[in-house]
Amino acid sequence: MLRDNPVYILGLSPEGIGDLSELGKSILHAADVIYGRPDILHQLPELPIKFPIRSPLEPLAQHLRDHSLEKRVVLATGDPNFFGIAEFLYRSLGQNFVEVIPHLSSMQRAFAKIKMSWHDAYFGSVHGRSMEMVAFWVLHHSKVAILTDPIHNAQRIAQVLVEHGLGEARMFVCENLGMETEEISEAAASEVQYWQKGGYAVIVILNRLENPKSFGLDDQDFERRLDQRGMITKKPVRAVAIAQLSLSRESVLWDIGAGTGAVGIDASRIIGVEGKVFAIERDSRTFEILCANIRHHQAPVQPVMGEAPRILNTLPDPHAVFIGGSGGFLPEVVKEVLHRLRPGGVMVANLVAFDRIASVGGLIPKDCSWNVRLIQTSLMEWEMPVPRFVPDNPVFVVTVKKLKDMIKR
């Protein structure tokens, strides 16, 4: 239920306040304090107290709280719910204290200009944000729409795409939408990388390349060290381990002793770009191969060079942890993981020696549930005189779940 005297967020068109609805104009003119970017506030010389919005946004939230008895209006552009200020104010003030009156979003305007539907597009923003996921978005979605800024602009996005072998992707660059200087351009990323334009814009990218593989990558899809050809969590065991992790699109996953990165990369197909996957590897030669595999699969995985458990204090608390290797520090790693694991989180450890089960079991507190599965698969070998099944090494999959109401030690 909306509270009395809410903070109103008014979305503006490129034409500014003159294009507000009658409701929007009445709310604006009744305001005691008006908030907005400096360029927007310059349109309001005759109106009362004005508070310019700048980064970081915490002073804005505090000012809104301090003036809770006054009528407050925040001016934004387009739809404030679309990569806009509304999300921040929902979190800072509470949803019941905020009322949004949106205008057309820049995305709607862009797709109308290029005469293309937008219900099937993936939406992202690099406006004041990192560009590290752009190539992943384009590789995994045939239609991507991105909000940009003068630093993270069309040229830089095109350069990132070309660097990742996506130079043939088509880019529609929609600048100054709704203004007299509006400009719509179309070209391949390989051409756009040389453009000296493209500040605040909407960019629509079409990628007609073959769809990438999803969860369930084959073992041969991963590069490995020649002296460690068997050192990989094989596909059948990997599938069971990932299933035990109970991943979601918001999960933070640690892959400890990542090796080739098979588990982290395959799991990232489930988590996507909303969560985080950290692949931790201590051996420098193996780490190089891990990074090469991440690049090859365009996976949203962050490689971390270092030895667990010491390196783990640099990472955010996980929802899920896979332990494929511990470098001889298994008890210390398990203790740290169970300490850091979020309530309701899951730890999975693949063990090949039976005595390791007892050592892990002795570290698990009573308010955690756990079990062990023996996974032993065999593959038909057809090239023998008499075809037969050749067994893989058995693996003990230890799964520990932290209870949701557990109090962190």
Protein backbone atom coordinates (compact mmCIF):
# COMPACT_ATOMS: atom_id res chain seq x y z
CA MET A 1 0.00 0.00 0.00
CA LEU A 2 1.33 3.41 -1.00
CA ARG A 3 2.12 5.65 2.00
CA ASP A 4 1.00 9.26 2.35
CA ASN A 5 3.28 11.86 0.76
CA PRO A 6 5.33 9.47 -1.42
CA VAL A 7 8.42 10.42 -3.40
CA TYR A 8 7.26 10.85 -7.01
CA ILE A 9 9.61 9.88 -9.83
CA LEU A 10 8.59 11.49 -13.11
CA GLY A 11 9.96 10.13 -16.38
CA LEU A 12 10.68 12.81 -18.97
CA SER A 13 10.76 12.59 -22.75
CA PRO A 14 13.67 14.07 -24.74
CA GLU A 15 11.50 17.20 -25.11
CA GLY A 16 11.74 17.76 -21.33
CA ILE A 17 9.13 18.93 -18.84
CA GLY A 18 7.01 20.54 -21.56
CA ASP A 19 5.98 17.05 -22.67
CA LEU A 20 4.72 15.94 -19.23
CA SER A 21 1.15 14.76 -18.82
CA GLU A 22 -1.30 16.96 -16.94
CA LEU A 23 -0.88 14.71 -13.91
CA GLY A 24 2.90 15.02 -14.11
CA LYS A 25 2.74 18.81 -14.43
CA SER A 26 0.43 19.12 -11.42
CA ILE A 27 2.75 16.94 -9.30
CA LEU A 28 5.79 18.94 -10.41
CA HIS A 29 4.26 22.34 -9.66
CA ALA A 30 3.07 21.19 -6.22
CA ALA A 31 6.57 20.06 -5.21
CA ASP A 32 8.55 21.61 -2.36
CA VAL A 33 11.86 19.99 -3.42
CA ILE A 34 12.80 18.84 -6.92
CA TYR A 35 15.64 16.43 -7.65
CA GLY A 36 17.27 15.74 -11.00
CA ARG A 37 20.42 15.85 -13.11
CA PRO A 38 21.83 19.39 -13.40
CA ASP A 39 20.90 19.59 -17.11
CA ILE A 40 17.29 18.74 -16.24
CA LEU A 41 17.08 21.19 -13.34
CA HIS A 42 18.25 23.99 -15.64
CA GLN A 43 14.83 23.71 -17.32
CA LEU A 44 13.18 24.78 -14.04
CA PRO A 45 14.47 28.25 -13.13
CA GLU A 46 11.19 29.40 -11.59
CA LEU A 47 10.45 26.35 -9.42
CA PRO A 48 11.43 25.89 -5.72
CA ILE A 49 14.33 24.17 -3.95
CA LYS A 50 16.33 22.01 -6.35
CA PHE A 51 18.75 19.20 -5.43
CA PRO A 52 21.12 18.04 -8.20
CA ILE A 53 21.59 14.28 -8.51
CA ARG A 54 25.19 13.16 -8.78
CA SER A 55 27.06 9.93 -8.15
CA PRO A 56 27.21 8.41 -5.57
CA LEU A 57 23.47 8.41 -4.88
CA GLU A 58 23.51 7.95 -1.09
CA PRO A 59 23.31 11.74 -0.38
CA LEU A 60 20.16 11.84 -2.51
CA ALA A 61 18.49 9.13 -0.43
CA GLN A 62 19.49 10.85 2.80
CA HIS A 63 18.15 14.21 1.61
CA LEU A 64 14.84 12.57 0.67
CA ARG A 65 14.59 11.01 4.14
CA ASP A 66 15.48 14.29 5.87
CA HIS A 67 12.68 16.09 3.99
CA SER A 68 10.01 13.43 4.45
CA LEU A 69 7.35 16.02 5.42
CA GLU A 70 7.76 17.96 2.18
CA LYS A 71 6.44 17.15 -1.28
CA ARG A 72 9.37 15.65 -3.20
CA VAL A 73 9.71 14.99 -6.92
CA VAL A 74 12.59 13.21 -8.66
CA LEU A 75 12.96 13.91 -12.39
CA ALA A 76 14.44 11.17 -14.56
CA THR A 77 14.42 10.33 -18.26
CA GLY A 78 12.27 7.79 -20.05
CA ASP A 79 11.18 4.92 -17.83
CA PRO A 80 12.90 5.18 -14.40
CA ASN A 81 12.27 1.47 -13.86
CA PHE A 82 14.49 0.55 -16.82
CA PHE A 83 18.13 0.68 -15.62
CA GLY A 84 17.09 3.91 -13.92
CA ILE A 85 16.96 5.53 -10.52
CA ALA A 86 13.76 3.81 -9.40
CA GLU A 87 15.53 0.62 -8.33
CA PHE A 88 17.91 2.54 -6.06
CA LEU A 89 15.07 4.45 -4.41
CA TYR A 90 12.99 1.29 -3.94
CA ARG A 91 15.92 -0.19 -2.02
CA SER A 92 16.79 2.98 -0.11
CA LEU A 93 13.33 4.25 0.84
CA GLY A 94 11.09 1.20 0.48
CA GLN A 95 8.70 0.43 -2.36
CA ASN A 96 5.67 1.79 -0.51
CA PHE A 97 7.26 5.23 -0.25
CA VAL A 98 7.90 5.65 -4.00
CA GLU A 99 5.49 6.31 -6.87
CA VAL A 100 6.76 6.14 -10.48
CA ILE A 101 5.08 7.85 -13.42
CA PRO A 102 7.10 6.63 -16.43
CA HIS A 103 7.47 8.02 -19.92
CA LEU A 104 8.39 6.04 -23.01
CA SER A 105 11.75 4.34 -22.50
CA SER A 106 14.61 4.97 -24.88
CA MET A 107 14.44 1.26 -25.76
CA GLN A 108 10.88 1.61 -27.02
CA ARG A 109 11.89 4.59 -29.13
CA ALA A 110 14.95 2.79 -30.53
CA PHE A 111 13.11 -0.34 -31.62
CA ALA A 112 10.35 1.76 -33.17
CA LYS A 113 12.95 3.68 -35.19
CA ILE A 114 14.67 0.56 -36.53
CA LYS A 115 11.25 -1.08 -37.10
CA MET A 116 11.90 -4.18 -35.07
CA SER A 117 10.04 -5.99 -32.27
CA TRP A 118 11.70 -6.00 -28.86
CA HIS A 119 9.88 -8.63 -26.81
CA ASP A 120 12.56 -11.23 -27.63
CA ALA A 121 15.63 -9.05 -26.93
CA TYR A 122 18.12 -9.34 -24.08
CA PHE A 123 18.58 -5.98 -22.33
CA GLY A 124 21.77 -4.73 -20.74
CA SER A 125 23.45 -1.49 -19.79
CA VAL A 126 27.03 -0.26 -19.79
CA HIS A 127 25.97 3.25 -18.75
CA GLY A 128 28.34 3.76 -15.84
CA ARG A 129 28.86 -0.01 -15.69
CA SER A 130 31.50 -2.54 -16.72
CA MET A 131 31.67 -3.82 -20.30
CA GLU A 132 33.06 -7.24 -19.39
CA MET A 133 29.78 -9.07 -20.14
CA VAL A 134 28.98 -7.52 -23.54
CA ALA A 135 30.55 -10.31 -25.61
CA PHE A 136 28.79 -12.95 -23.50
CA TRP A 137 25.43 -11.24 -24.01
CA VAL A 138 25.88 -11.13 -27.78
CA LEU A 139 27.24 -14.66 -28.03
CA HIS A 140 24.29 -16.09 -26.11
CA HIS A 141 21.43 -13.96 -27.44
CA SER A 142 20.53 -13.30 -31.06
CA LYS A 143 19.15 -9.83 -30.24
CA VAL A 144 20.76 -7.58 -27.60
CA ALA A 145 19.88 -3.99 -26.68
CA ILE A 146 22.37 -1.94 -24.64
CA LEU A 147 22.29 1.51 -23.02
CA THR A 148 25.63 3.33 -23.41
CA ASP A 149 27.47 6.43 -22.23
CA PRO A 150 30.29 8.55 -23.75
CA ILE A 151 33.01 6.27 -22.29
CA HIS A 152 31.32 2.91 -22.87
CA ASN A 153 30.17 3.88 -26.33
CA ALA A 154 29.43 2.21 -29.67
CA GLN A 155 33.06 2.22 -30.76
CA ARG A 156 34.27 0.50 -27.58
CA ILE A 157 31.46 -2.06 -27.69
CA ALA A 158 32.33 -2.85 -31.31
CA GLN A 159 36.00 -3.26 -30.39
CA VAL A 160 35.06 -5.72 -27.65
CA LEU A 161 32.94 -7.71 -30.09
CA VAL A 162 35.72 -7.81 -32.69
CA GLU A 163 38.23 -8.94 -30.04
CA HIS A 164 35.95 -11.90 -29.30
CA GLY A 165 35.40 -12.92 -32.92
CA LEU A 166 32.00 -11.23 -33.29
CA GLY A 167 32.94 -8.69 -35.93
CA GLU A 168 30.07 -9.76 -38.22
CA ALA A 169 27.39 -8.88 -35.65
CA ARG A 170 25.08 -6.09 -36.93
CA MET A 171 24.89 -2.96 -34.79
CA PHE A 172 22.12 -0.34 -34.85
CA VAL A 173 23.35 2.81 -33.08
CA CYS A 174 20.45 5.07 -32.04
CA GLU A 175 21.64 8.46 -30.77
CA ASN A 176 19.76 11.48 -29.39
CA LEU A 177 16.40 9.79 -29.73
CA GLY A 178 13.48 12.21 -29.98
CA MET A 179 15.75 15.22 -30.46
CA GLU A 180 16.48 17.33 -33.53
CA THR A 181 19.96 15.76 -33.65
CA GLU A 182 18.57 12.21 -33.68
CA GLU A 183 20.69 9.83 -35.76
CA ILE A 184 20.20 6.12 -36.54
CA SER A 185 23.18 4.23 -38.01
CA GLU A 186 23.66 0.59 -38.95
CA ALA A 187 26.86 -1.36 -39.68
CA ALA A 188 28.81 -4.47 -38.76
CA ALA A 189 30.85 -4.35 -35.55
CA SER A 190 34.00 -4.60 -37.67
CA GLU A 191 33.09 -1.18 -39.16
CA VAL A 192 31.68 0.46 -36.01
CA GLN A 193 34.98 -0.13 -34.18
CA TYR A 194 36.46 2.77 -36.18
CA TRP A 195 33.60 5.25 -35.64
CA GLN A 196 34.36 8.39 -33.69
CA LYS A 197 30.86 8.83 -32.32
CA GLY A 198 28.29 7.20 -30.14
CA GLY A 199 27.87 8.70 -26.66
CA TYR A 200 24.54 8.35 -24.87
CA ALA A 201 22.75 5.94 -27.17
CA VAL A 202 20.75 2.77 -27.48
CA ILE A 203 22.61 0.07 -29.40
CA VAL A 204 20.78 -2.94 -30.80
CA ILE A 205 23.02 -5.86 -31.80
CA LEU A 206 21.95 -8.79 -33.96
CA ASN A 207 24.10 -11.90 -33.88
CA ARG A 208 23.28 -14.47 -36.54
CA LEU A 209 26.04 -16.87 -35.55
CA GLU A 210 25.29 -20.43 -34.54
CA ASN A 211 23.87 -20.69 -31.04
CA PRO A 212 26.49 -21.70 -28.47
CA LYS A 213 26.39 -24.92 -26.51
CA SER A 214 24.46 -24.81 -23.28
CA PHE A 215 24.93 -26.87 -20.11
CA GLY A 216 26.63 -30.23 -20.65
CA LEU A 217 29.89 -29.41 -22.42
CA ASP A 218 31.93 -32.38 -23.65
CA ASP A 219 35.30 -33.17 -22.07
CA GLN A 220 37.11 -32.58 -25.35
CA ASP A 221 35.78 -29.00 -25.40
CA PHE A 222 38.32 -28.11 -22.69
CA GLU A 223 42.01 -27.56 -23.27
CA ARG A 224 44.18 -29.47 -20.78
CA ARG A 225 47.84 -29.73 -19.86
CA LEU A 226 49.61 -32.48 -21.79
CA ASP A 227 51.01 -33.93 -18.57
CA GLN A 228 47.56 -34.02 -16.92
CA ARG A 229 45.24 -35.37 -19.60
CA GLY A 230 43.09 -37.14 -17.05
CA MET A 231 42.81 -34.17 -14.67
CA ILE A 232 39.28 -33.05 -15.43
CA THR A 233 35.91 -33.58 -13.76
CA LYS A 234 34.42 -35.77 -16.47
CA LYS A 235 31.03 -34.93 -17.93
CA PRO A 236 28.85 -37.55 -16.15
CA VAL A 237 30.34 -36.77 -12.72
CA ARG A 238 30.31 -33.06 -13.49
CA ALA A 239 26.59 -33.23 -14.27
CA VAL A 240 25.85 -34.90 -10.92
CA ALA A 241 28.02 -32.45 -8.96
CA ILE A 242 26.42 -29.41 -10.60
CA ALA A 243 22.94 -30.84 -10.01
CA GLN A 244 23.78 -31.23 -6.31
CA LEU A 245 24.80 -27.56 -6.07
CA SER A 246 21.17 -26.35 -6.47
CA LEU A 247 22.21 -23.35 -8.58
CA SER A 248 20.00 -20.44 -9.60
CA ARG A 249 20.52 -17.41 -11.82
CA GLU A 250 21.56 -15.31 -8.82
CA SER A 251 24.00 -17.81 -7.31
CA VAL A 252 27.54 -16.94 -6.25
CA LEU A 253 29.64 -20.06 -6.91
CA TRP A 254 33.19 -20.87 -5.85
CA ASP A 255 34.96 -23.52 -7.95
CA ILE A 256 37.96 -24.39 -5.76
CA GLY A 257 40.81 -26.23 -7.43
CA ALA A 258 39.24 -25.30 -10.76
CA GLY A 259 41.90 -26.92 -12.97
CA THR A 260 40.63 -26.66 -16.56
CA GLY A 261 37.53 -24.83 -15.33
CA ALA A 262 35.12 -27.51 -16.51
CA VAL A 263 32.79 -27.29 -13.51
CA GLY A 264 32.75 -23.50 -13.24
CA ILE A 265 32.31 -22.97 -16.98
CA ASP A 266 29.55 -25.58 -17.28
CA ALA A 267 27.81 -24.24 -14.16
CA SER A 268 27.93 -20.71 -15.57
CA ARG A 269 25.52 -21.87 -18.28
CA ILE A 270 22.93 -22.20 -15.51
CA ILE A 271 23.87 -19.12 -13.48
CA GLY A 272 24.24 -16.78 -16.46
CA VAL A 273 25.21 -13.15 -15.96
CA GLU A 274 23.02 -12.31 -12.94
CA GLY A 275 25.19 -14.31 -10.49
CA LYS A 276 28.93 -14.79 -10.13
CA VAL A 277 31.27 -17.73 -10.74
CA PHE A 278 34.79 -17.64 -9.29
CA ALA A 279 37.27 -20.27 -10.49
CA ILE A 280 40.15 -20.58 -8.01
CA GLU A 281 43.40 -22.21 -9.13
CA ARG A 282 46.83 -22.10 -7.47
CA ASP A 283 49.09 -23.60 -10.18
CA SER A 284 50.32 -20.92 -12.59
CA ARG A 285 50.52 -23.21 -15.66
CA THR A 286 47.08 -24.63 -15.05
CA PHE A 287 45.74 -21.13 -14.38
CA GLU A 288 46.79 -20.06 -17.89
CA ILE A 289 44.83 -22.96 -19.36
CA LEU A 290 41.85 -22.13 -17.15
CA CYS A 291 41.85 -18.57 -18.50
CA ALA A 292 42.14 -19.86 -22.07
CA ASN A 293 39.11 -22.11 -21.57
CA ILE A 294 37.09 -19.26 -20.11
CA ARG A 295 37.90 -17.10 -23.13
CA HIS A 296 37.19 -19.92 -25.57
CA HIS A 297 33.73 -20.56 -24.12
CA GLN A 298 32.97 -16.87 -23.56
CA ALA A 299 31.96 -17.89 -20.05
CA PRO A 300 30.97 -15.37 -17.34
CA VAL A 301 33.58 -16.83 -15.00
CA GLN A 302 36.15 -14.83 -13.03
CA PRO A 303 39.48 -16.68 -12.71
CA VAL A 304 41.23 -16.24 -9.37
CA MET A 305 44.92 -17.07 -9.01
CA GLY A 306 45.72 -18.18 -5.48
CA GLU A 307 45.67 -20.94 -2.91
CA ALA A 308 42.64 -21.84 -0.85
CA PRO A 309 41.71 -21.23 1.88
CA ARG A 310 43.84 -18.07 2.12
CA ILE A 311 42.60 -16.53 -1.14
CA LEU A 312 38.94 -17.04 -0.23
CA ASN A 313 38.81 -13.97 2.01
CA THR A 314 38.91 -11.81 -1.13
CA LEU A 315 35.64 -13.28 -2.47
CA PRO A 316 31.98 -12.61 -1.61
CA ASP A 317 30.15 -15.20 0.50
CA PRO A 318 28.95 -18.05 -1.75
CA HIS A 319 25.60 -19.74 -2.23
CA ALA A 320 27.39 -22.81 -3.59
CA VAL A 321 30.92 -24.23 -3.49
CA PHE A 322 32.48 -27.01 -5.52
CA ILE A 323 35.77 -28.47 -4.26
CA GLY A 324 37.59 -30.34 -6.98
CA GLY A 325 41.06 -29.93 -5.46
CA SER A 326 42.48 -28.59 -2.23
CA GLY A 327 46.25 -28.71 -2.66
CA GLY A 328 46.65 -30.79 0.50
CA PHE A 329 44.60 -28.40 2.63
CA LEU A 330 41.22 -30.15 2.48
CA PRO A 331 40.32 -29.77 6.20
CA GLU A 332 41.24 -26.09 6.21
CA VAL A 333 39.33 -25.47 2.97
CA VAL A 334 36.21 -27.28 4.21
CA LYS A 335 36.21 -25.35 7.50
CA GLU A 336 36.48 -22.01 5.74
CA VAL A 337 33.82 -22.92 3.18
CA LEU A 338 31.31 -24.01 5.82
CA HIS A 339 32.00 -20.82 7.75
CA ARG A 340 31.47 -18.58 4.71
CA LEU A 341 28.65 -20.49 3.02
CA ARG A 342 25.37 -18.59 3.14
CA PRO A 343 22.38 -20.12 4.99
CA GLY A 344 20.70 -22.64 2.70
CA GLY A 345 23.89 -22.92 0.64
CA VAL A 346 25.47 -26.14 -0.64
CA MET A 347 29.04 -27.45 -0.68
CA VAL A 348 29.96 -30.31 -2.99
CA ALA A 349 33.36 -32.03 -2.78
CA ASN A 350 34.53 -34.68 -5.22
CA LEU A 351 36.81 -37.18 -3.50
CA VAL A 352 38.65 -40.16 -4.97
CA ALA A 353 40.03 -41.65 -1.73
CA PHE A 354 37.61 -43.36 0.67
CA ASP A 355 39.45 -42.19 3.81
CA ARG A 356 38.84 -38.56 2.83
CA ILE A 357 35.12 -39.03 3.47
CA ALA A 358 35.71 -39.57 7.19
CA SER A 359 38.02 -36.56 7.43
CA VAL A 360 35.40 -34.32 5.80
CA GLY A 361 32.55 -35.81 7.80
CA GLY A 362 34.30 -34.99 11.06
CA LEU A 363 34.29 -31.30 10.14
CA ILE A 364 30.58 -30.97 9.42
CA PRO A 365 28.55 -29.33 12.22
CA LYS A 366 25.32 -30.89 13.45
CA ASP A 367 23.19 -28.13 11.95
CA CYS A 368 24.26 -29.14 8.45
CA SER A 369 22.83 -32.08 6.52
CA TRP A 370 25.13 -34.15 4.35
CA ASN A 371 25.35 -37.30 2.24
CA VAL A 372 27.77 -39.17 0.01
CA ARG A 373 27.12 -40.64 -3.44
CA LEU A 374 29.43 -43.05 -5.22
CA ILE A 375 29.53 -42.25 -8.94
CA GLN A 376 31.06 -44.86 -11.19
CA THR A 377 30.44 -44.70 -14.94
CA SER A 378 31.61 -46.88 -17.82
CA LEU A 379 31.90 -46.09 -21.51
CA MET A 380 31.44 -48.62 -24.31
CA GLU A 381 34.72 -49.19 -26.15
CA TRP A 382 33.84 -50.25 -29.72
CA GLU A 383 37.34 -50.62 -31.18
CA MET A 384 38.23 -53.72 -29.17
CA PRO A 385 37.90 -57.20 -30.75
CA VAL A 386 34.90 -57.68 -28.48
CA PRO A 387 33.23 -54.38 -27.54
CA ARG A 388 33.05 -53.89 -23.78
CA PHE A 389 32.50 -51.23 -21.16
CA VAL A 390 35.64 -49.51 -19.86
CA PRO A 391 35.09 -48.10 -16.35
CA ASP A 392 36.11 -44.63 -15.23
CA ASN A 393 37.61 -44.15 -11.79
CA PRO A 394 34.91 -44.06 -9.08
CA VAL A 395 34.27 -40.71 -7.43
CA PHE A 396 32.71 -39.98 -4.04
CA VAL A 397 30.47 -36.91 -4.27
CA VAL A 398 30.06 -35.38 -0.81
CA THR A 399 27.17 -32.92 -0.53
CA VAL A 400 26.73 -30.66 2.52
CA LYS A 401 23.76 -28.32 2.90
CA LYS A 402 23.74 -25.47 5.39
CA LEU A 403 20.38 -25.04 7.08
CA LYS A 404 18.58 -21.78 6.29
CA ASP A 405 18.05 -20.88 9.93
CA MET A 406 21.67 -21.58 10.85
CA ILE A 407 23.42 -18.76 12.68
CA LYS A 408 26.76 -17.92 11.13
CA ARG A 409 29.67 -18.64 13.48
